[in-house]
Amino acid sequence: MAERIDKREVYDRFANVTKQTQELLDSMEQLKLDMTEILEENAELSVENEHLHTVIKEFKGENNEDDSLSMPRQNLQKIYEQGFHVCNEYYGKRLDYNESCTFCLDVIFGRQ
């Protein structure tokens, strides 16, 4: 008869692989959260940078490029373009790739 498989050893190996897989999943989830936080911070800094450029242009007496939207709506548009919802329902959540949100667009370009 072929060599007998030690059931306890198989179970221990399976438990070890399961534990490693769970640790990997936990690590990936934390990485995803960290990445989202960095992207949000990047979006905020981009909006602030754009705002500072606008202030500098106003200080120098140059015209604003996009007079059709108020400054707050321009900021919302920048956040939306960075890939985040700006609507009341999903505010701050990440947009899926190539996703558009009618509610967000209404907030940005709706009644002024």
N, C-alpha and C. Protein backbone atom coordinates (compact mmCIF):
# COMPACT_ATOMS: atom_id res chain seq x y z
N MET A 1 0.83 -1.18 0.00
CA MET A 1 0.00 0.00 0.00
C MET A 1 0.88 1.25 0.00
N ALA A 2 0.41 2.29 -0.67
CA ALA A 2 1.16 3.53 -0.75
C ALA A 2 1.33 4.14 0.63
N GLU A 3 2.32 5.02 0.71
CA GLU A 3 2.60 5.67 1.98
C GLU A 3 1.36 6.43 2.46
N ARG A 4 1.03 6.27 3.71
CA ARG A 4 -0.16 6.89 4.29
C ARG A 4 0.06 8.38 4.52
N ILE A 5 -0.95 9.16 4.20
CA ILE A 5 -0.88 10.60 4.39
C ILE A 5 -1.28 10.92 5.82
N ASP A 6 -0.44 11.70 6.46
CA ASP A 6 -0.73 12.11 7.82
C ASP A 6 -1.82 13.20 7.76
N LYS A 7 -3.01 12.87 8.23
CA LYS A 7 -4.15 13.79 8.15
C LYS A 7 -3.92 15.06 8.94
N ARG A 8 -3.27 14.92 10.05
CA ARG A 8 -3.00 16.09 10.88
C ARG A 8 -2.06 17.06 10.14
N GLU A 9 -1.06 16.51 9.47
CA GLU A 9 -0.11 17.34 8.73
C GLU A 9 -0.83 18.08 7.60
N VAL A 10 -1.71 17.39 6.89
CA VAL A 10 -2.47 18.01 5.81
C VAL A 10 -3.34 19.13 6.37
N TYR A 11 -4.01 18.86 7.48
CA TYR A 11 -4.86 19.88 8.10
C TYR A 11 -4.02 21.08 8.54
N ASP A 12 -2.87 20.83 9.14
CA ASP A 12 -1.99 21.92 9.59
C ASP A 12 -1.51 22.76 8.42
N ARG A 13 -1.15 22.11 7.33
CA ARG A 13 -0.71 22.84 6.13
C ARG A 13 -1.85 23.69 5.57
N PHE A 14 -3.05 23.11 5.54
CA PHE A 14 -4.21 23.84 5.04
C PHE A 14 -4.51 25.04 5.93
N ALA A 15 -4.45 24.85 7.24
CA ALA A 15 -4.69 25.96 8.18
C ALA A 15 -3.64 27.05 7.99
N ASN A 16 -2.40 26.67 7.76
CA ASN A 16 -1.33 27.63 7.56
C ASN A 16 -1.55 28.44 6.27
N VAL A 17 -1.92 27.76 5.20
CA VAL A 17 -2.19 28.45 3.93
C VAL A 17 -3.38 29.38 4.09
N THR A 18 -4.40 28.93 4.79
CA THR A 18 -5.58 29.76 5.03
C THR A 18 -5.19 31.02 5.81
N LYS A 19 -4.37 30.87 6.83
CA LYS A 19 -3.92 32.00 7.64
C LYS A 19 -3.11 32.98 6.79
N GLN A 20 -2.21 32.46 5.95
CA GLN A 20 -1.40 33.32 5.09
C GLN A 20 -2.28 34.08 4.10
N THR A 21 -3.28 33.39 3.56
CA THR A 21 -4.19 34.03 2.61
C THR A 21 -4.96 35.15 3.28
N GLN A 22 -5.44 34.91 4.49
CA GLN A 22 -6.18 35.95 5.23
C GLN A 22 -5.28 37.14 5.54
N GLU A 23 -4.03 36.87 5.91
CA GLU A 23 -3.09 37.96 6.18
C GLU A 23 -2.83 38.78 4.91
N LEU A 24 -2.74 38.10 3.77
CA LEU A 24 -2.54 38.79 2.50
C LEU A 24 -3.76 39.65 2.18
N LEU A 25 -4.95 39.12 2.38
CA LEU A 25 -6.17 39.89 2.13
C LEU A 25 -6.24 41.11 3.04
N ASP A 26 -5.90 40.94 4.31
CA ASP A 26 -5.90 42.05 5.24
C ASP A 26 -4.90 43.12 4.81
N SER A 27 -3.73 42.66 4.37
CA SER A 27 -2.70 43.58 3.92
C SER A 27 -3.16 44.34 2.67
N MET A 28 -3.81 43.65 1.75
CA MET A 28 -4.31 44.30 0.54
C MET A 28 -5.41 45.30 0.87
N GLU A 29 -6.27 44.99 1.81
CA GLU A 29 -7.34 45.91 2.21
C GLU A 29 -6.74 47.17 2.83
N GLN A 30 -5.73 47.01 3.67
CA GLN A 30 -5.08 48.17 4.28
C GLN A 30 -4.38 49.00 3.21
N LEU A 31 -3.74 48.35 2.25
CA LEU A 31 -3.09 49.05 1.15
C LEU A 31 -4.12 49.85 0.34
N LYS A 32 -5.27 49.26 0.12
CA LYS A 32 -6.35 49.94 -0.62
C LYS A 32 -6.80 51.18 0.15
N LEU A 33 -6.98 51.06 1.47
CA LEU A 33 -7.38 52.20 2.29
C LEU A 33 -6.32 53.30 2.26
N ASP A 34 -5.06 52.90 2.36
CA ASP A 34 -3.96 53.87 2.32
C ASP A 34 -3.92 54.58 0.97
N MET A 35 -4.11 53.82 -0.10
CA MET A 35 -4.07 54.40 -1.43
C MET A 35 -5.23 55.39 -1.62
N THR A 36 -6.41 55.03 -1.13
CA THR A 36 -7.56 55.92 -1.23
C THR A 36 -7.31 57.20 -0.47
N GLU A 37 -6.73 57.09 0.71
CA GLU A 37 -6.41 58.27 1.52
C GLU A 37 -5.42 59.17 0.79
N ILE A 38 -4.42 58.57 0.16
CA ILE A 38 -3.43 59.35 -0.58
C ILE A 38 -4.07 60.03 -1.78
N LEU A 39 -4.94 59.32 -2.49
CA LEU A 39 -5.60 59.92 -3.65
C LEU A 39 -6.52 61.07 -3.23
N GLU A 40 -7.21 60.91 -2.09
CA GLU A 40 -8.06 61.99 -1.60
C GLU A 40 -7.23 63.21 -1.24
N GLU A 41 -6.11 62.97 -0.57
CA GLU A 41 -5.23 64.07 -0.20
C GLU A 41 -4.68 64.75 -1.45
N ASN A 42 -4.33 63.95 -2.46
CA ASN A 42 -3.83 64.49 -3.71
C ASN A 42 -4.89 65.38 -4.37
N ALA A 43 -6.14 64.91 -4.36
CA ALA A 43 -7.22 65.69 -4.96
C ALA A 43 -7.40 67.01 -4.21
N GLU A 44 -7.37 66.95 -2.89
CA GLU A 44 -7.51 68.17 -2.09
C GLU A 44 -6.37 69.14 -2.38
N LEU A 45 -5.15 68.63 -2.45
CA LEU A 45 -4.01 69.49 -2.72
C LEU A 45 -4.06 70.08 -4.13
N SER A 46 -4.56 69.31 -5.08
CA SER A 46 -4.70 69.82 -6.44
C SER A 46 -5.70 70.97 -6.49
N VAL A 47 -6.82 70.81 -5.76
CA VAL A 47 -7.82 71.88 -5.71
C VAL A 47 -7.23 73.11 -5.04
N GLU A 48 -6.54 72.91 -3.95
CA GLU A 48 -5.93 74.04 -3.24
C GLU A 48 -4.87 74.72 -4.12
N ASN A 49 -4.09 73.94 -4.84
CA ASN A 49 -3.08 74.48 -5.74
C ASN A 49 -3.75 75.33 -6.83
N GLU A 50 -4.82 74.80 -7.40
CA GLU A 50 -5.55 75.54 -8.44
C GLU A 50 -6.11 76.84 -7.86
N HIS A 51 -6.62 76.76 -6.63
CA HIS A 51 -7.15 77.96 -5.98
C HIS A 51 -6.05 79.00 -5.79
N LEU A 52 -4.89 78.55 -5.36
CA LEU A 52 -3.78 79.48 -5.17
C LEU A 52 -3.34 80.11 -6.49
N HIS A 53 -3.35 79.32 -7.56
CA HIS A 53 -3.02 79.88 -8.88
C HIS A 53 -4.04 80.95 -9.27
N THR A 54 -5.31 80.71 -8.97
CA THR A 54 -6.36 81.68 -9.28
C THR A 54 -6.16 82.96 -8.47
N VAL A 55 -5.83 82.82 -7.21
CA VAL A 55 -5.58 83.99 -6.36
C VAL A 55 -4.39 84.78 -6.89
N ILE A 56 -3.35 84.08 -7.30
CA ILE A 56 -2.18 84.76 -7.86
C ILE A 56 -2.56 85.51 -9.14
N LYS A 57 -3.36 84.88 -10.00
CA LYS A 57 -3.79 85.55 -11.23
C LYS A 57 -4.62 86.78 -10.92
N GLU A 58 -5.53 86.66 -9.94
CA GLU A 58 -6.35 87.82 -9.55
C GLU A 58 -5.46 88.93 -8.98
N PHE A 59 -4.48 88.54 -8.21
CA PHE A 59 -3.56 89.52 -7.62
C PHE A 59 -2.79 90.26 -8.72
N LYS A 60 -2.41 89.52 -9.76
CA LYS A 60 -1.67 90.12 -10.88
C LYS A 60 -2.59 90.85 -11.84
N GLY A 61 -3.91 90.70 -11.65
CA GLY A 61 -4.87 91.39 -12.51
C GLY A 61 -5.24 90.62 -13.75
N GLU A 62 -4.89 89.35 -13.81
CA GLU A 62 -5.26 88.54 -14.97
C GLU A 62 -6.69 88.05 -14.81
N ASN A 63 -7.36 87.80 -15.93
CA ASN A 63 -8.74 87.29 -15.90
C ASN A 63 -8.76 85.81 -15.58
N ASN A 64 -9.82 85.41 -14.93
CA ASN A 64 -10.04 83.99 -14.63
C ASN A 64 -10.41 83.28 -15.92
N GLU A 65 -9.85 82.11 -16.17
CA GLU A 65 -10.08 81.37 -17.42
C GLU A 65 -11.53 80.93 -17.58
N ASP A 66 -12.18 80.50 -16.49
CA ASP A 66 -13.51 79.92 -16.57
C ASP A 66 -14.46 80.72 -15.68
N ASP A 67 -15.06 81.77 -16.28
CA ASP A 67 -15.96 82.62 -15.52
C ASP A 67 -17.37 82.05 -15.45
N SER A 68 -17.65 80.96 -16.13
CA SER A 68 -19.00 80.42 -16.16
C SER A 68 -19.39 79.75 -14.86
N LEU A 69 -18.44 79.26 -14.08
CA LEU A 69 -18.72 78.60 -12.81
C LEU A 69 -18.14 79.42 -11.67
N SER A 70 -18.87 79.44 -10.56
CA SER A 70 -18.35 80.11 -9.37
C SER A 70 -17.16 79.31 -8.84
N MET A 71 -16.38 79.92 -7.97
CA MET A 71 -15.19 79.26 -7.41
C MET A 71 -15.56 77.97 -6.68
N PRO A 72 -16.61 77.95 -5.83
CA PRO A 72 -16.95 76.68 -5.17
C PRO A 72 -17.32 75.57 -6.16
N ARG A 73 -18.04 75.95 -7.22
CA ARG A 73 -18.41 74.94 -8.23
C ARG A 73 -17.19 74.48 -9.02
N GLN A 74 -16.25 75.39 -9.25
CA GLN A 74 -15.01 74.99 -9.91
C GLN A 74 -14.25 74.00 -9.04
N ASN A 75 -14.25 74.24 -7.73
CA ASN A 75 -13.58 73.32 -6.81
C ASN A 75 -14.25 71.95 -6.84
N LEU A 76 -15.59 71.93 -6.85
CA LEU A 76 -16.31 70.66 -6.94
C LEU A 76 -15.99 69.95 -8.25
N GLN A 77 -15.90 70.72 -9.32
CA GLN A 77 -15.57 70.13 -10.61
C GLN A 77 -14.17 69.50 -10.58
N LYS A 78 -13.22 70.16 -9.96
CA LYS A 78 -11.87 69.60 -9.85
C LYS A 78 -11.87 68.31 -9.05
N ILE A 79 -12.60 68.28 -7.95
CA ILE A 79 -12.69 67.06 -7.13
C ILE A 79 -13.32 65.94 -7.95
N TYR A 80 -14.38 66.27 -8.69
CA TYR A 80 -15.06 65.28 -9.54
C TYR A 80 -14.10 64.76 -10.61
N GLU A 81 -13.33 65.65 -11.21
CA GLU A 81 -12.38 65.24 -12.25
C GLU A 81 -11.26 64.38 -11.68
N GLN A 82 -10.99 64.52 -10.39
CA GLN A 82 -9.98 63.68 -9.73
C GLN A 82 -10.54 62.29 -9.43
N GLY A 83 -11.84 62.08 -9.65
CA GLY A 83 -12.42 60.76 -9.48
C GLY A 83 -13.22 60.55 -8.21
N PHE A 84 -13.78 61.61 -7.64
CA PHE A 84 -14.56 61.50 -6.42
C PHE A 84 -15.95 62.09 -6.62
N HIS A 85 -16.93 61.47 -5.98
CA HIS A 85 -18.30 61.99 -6.02
C HIS A 85 -18.37 63.30 -5.26
N VAL A 86 -19.19 64.23 -5.76
CA VAL A 86 -19.44 65.49 -5.08
C VAL A 86 -20.94 65.66 -4.79
N CYS A 87 -21.74 64.66 -5.12
CA CYS A 87 -23.17 64.73 -4.87
C CYS A 87 -23.46 64.39 -3.41
N ASN A 88 -24.66 64.75 -2.96
CA ASN A 88 -25.04 64.51 -1.56
C ASN A 88 -25.05 63.03 -1.21
N GLU A 89 -25.47 62.20 -2.13
CA GLU A 89 -25.65 60.77 -1.84
C GLU A 89 -24.33 60.03 -1.63
N TYR A 90 -23.34 60.33 -2.45
CA TYR A 90 -22.09 59.55 -2.42
C TYR A 90 -20.87 60.41 -2.15
N TYR A 91 -21.03 61.59 -1.61
CA TYR A 91 -19.94 62.56 -1.47
C TYR A 91 -18.67 61.91 -0.89
N GLY A 92 -17.57 62.11 -1.59
CA GLY A 92 -16.27 61.64 -1.13
C GLY A 92 -15.92 60.22 -1.53
N LYS A 93 -16.90 59.46 -2.02
CA LYS A 93 -16.61 58.10 -2.44
C LYS A 93 -15.96 58.13 -3.81
N ARG A 94 -15.17 57.14 -4.07
CA ARG A 94 -14.41 57.04 -5.32
C ARG A 94 -15.34 56.64 -6.47
N LEU A 95 -15.19 57.32 -7.60
CA LEU A 95 -15.90 56.93 -8.83
C LEU A 95 -15.19 55.75 -9.45
N ASP A 96 -15.95 54.83 -10.03
CA ASP A 96 -15.34 53.75 -10.78
C ASP A 96 -14.71 54.33 -12.05
N TYR A 97 -13.80 53.56 -12.65
CA TYR A 97 -13.11 54.01 -13.86
C TYR A 97 -14.14 54.33 -14.95
N ASN A 98 -14.04 55.51 -15.55
CA ASN A 98 -14.94 55.99 -16.60
C ASN A 98 -16.39 56.10 -16.16
N GLU A 99 -16.64 56.16 -14.87
CA GLU A 99 -18.00 56.33 -14.37
C GLU A 99 -18.35 57.81 -14.36
N SER A 100 -19.58 58.12 -14.69
CA SER A 100 -20.05 59.48 -14.52
C SER A 100 -21.29 59.43 -13.63
N CYS A 101 -21.54 60.51 -12.94
CA CYS A 101 -22.64 60.55 -11.99
C CYS A 101 -23.51 61.77 -12.32
N THR A 102 -24.75 61.51 -12.69
CA THR A 102 -25.67 62.58 -13.04
C THR A 102 -25.91 63.51 -11.87
N PHE A 103 -25.96 62.96 -10.67
CA PHE A 103 -26.18 63.79 -9.48
C PHE A 103 -25.02 64.75 -9.28
N CYS A 104 -23.80 64.24 -9.46
CA CYS A 104 -22.62 65.10 -9.32
C CYS A 104 -22.62 66.21 -10.37
N LEU A 105 -22.92 65.83 -11.60
CA LEU A 105 -22.94 66.83 -12.67
C LEU A 105 -24.01 67.89 -12.42
N ASP A 106 -25.13 67.47 -11.83
CA ASP A 106 -26.19 68.43 -11.49
C ASP A 106 -25.72 69.38 -10.40
N VAL A 107 -24.97 68.87 -9.44
CA VAL A 107 -24.44 69.73 -8.37
C VAL A 107 -23.48 70.76 -8.97
N ILE A 108 -22.65 70.32 -9.92
CA ILE A 108 -21.64 71.22 -10.49
C ILE A 108 -22.25 72.20 -11.49
N PHE A 109 -23.05 71.70 -12.42
CA PHE A 109 -23.53 72.52 -13.52
C PHE A 109 -25.02 72.86 -13.43
N GLY A 110 -25.69 72.43 -12.37
CA GLY A 110 -27.13 72.67 -12.22
C GLY A 110 -27.44 74.12 -12.02
N ARG A 111 -28.64 74.40 -11.52
CA ARG A 111 -29.08 75.80 -11.30
C ARG A 111 -28.04 76.57 -10.52
N GLN A 112 -27.74 77.73 -11.02
CA GLN A 112 -26.72 78.54 -10.36
C GLN A 112 -27.30 79.75 -9.72
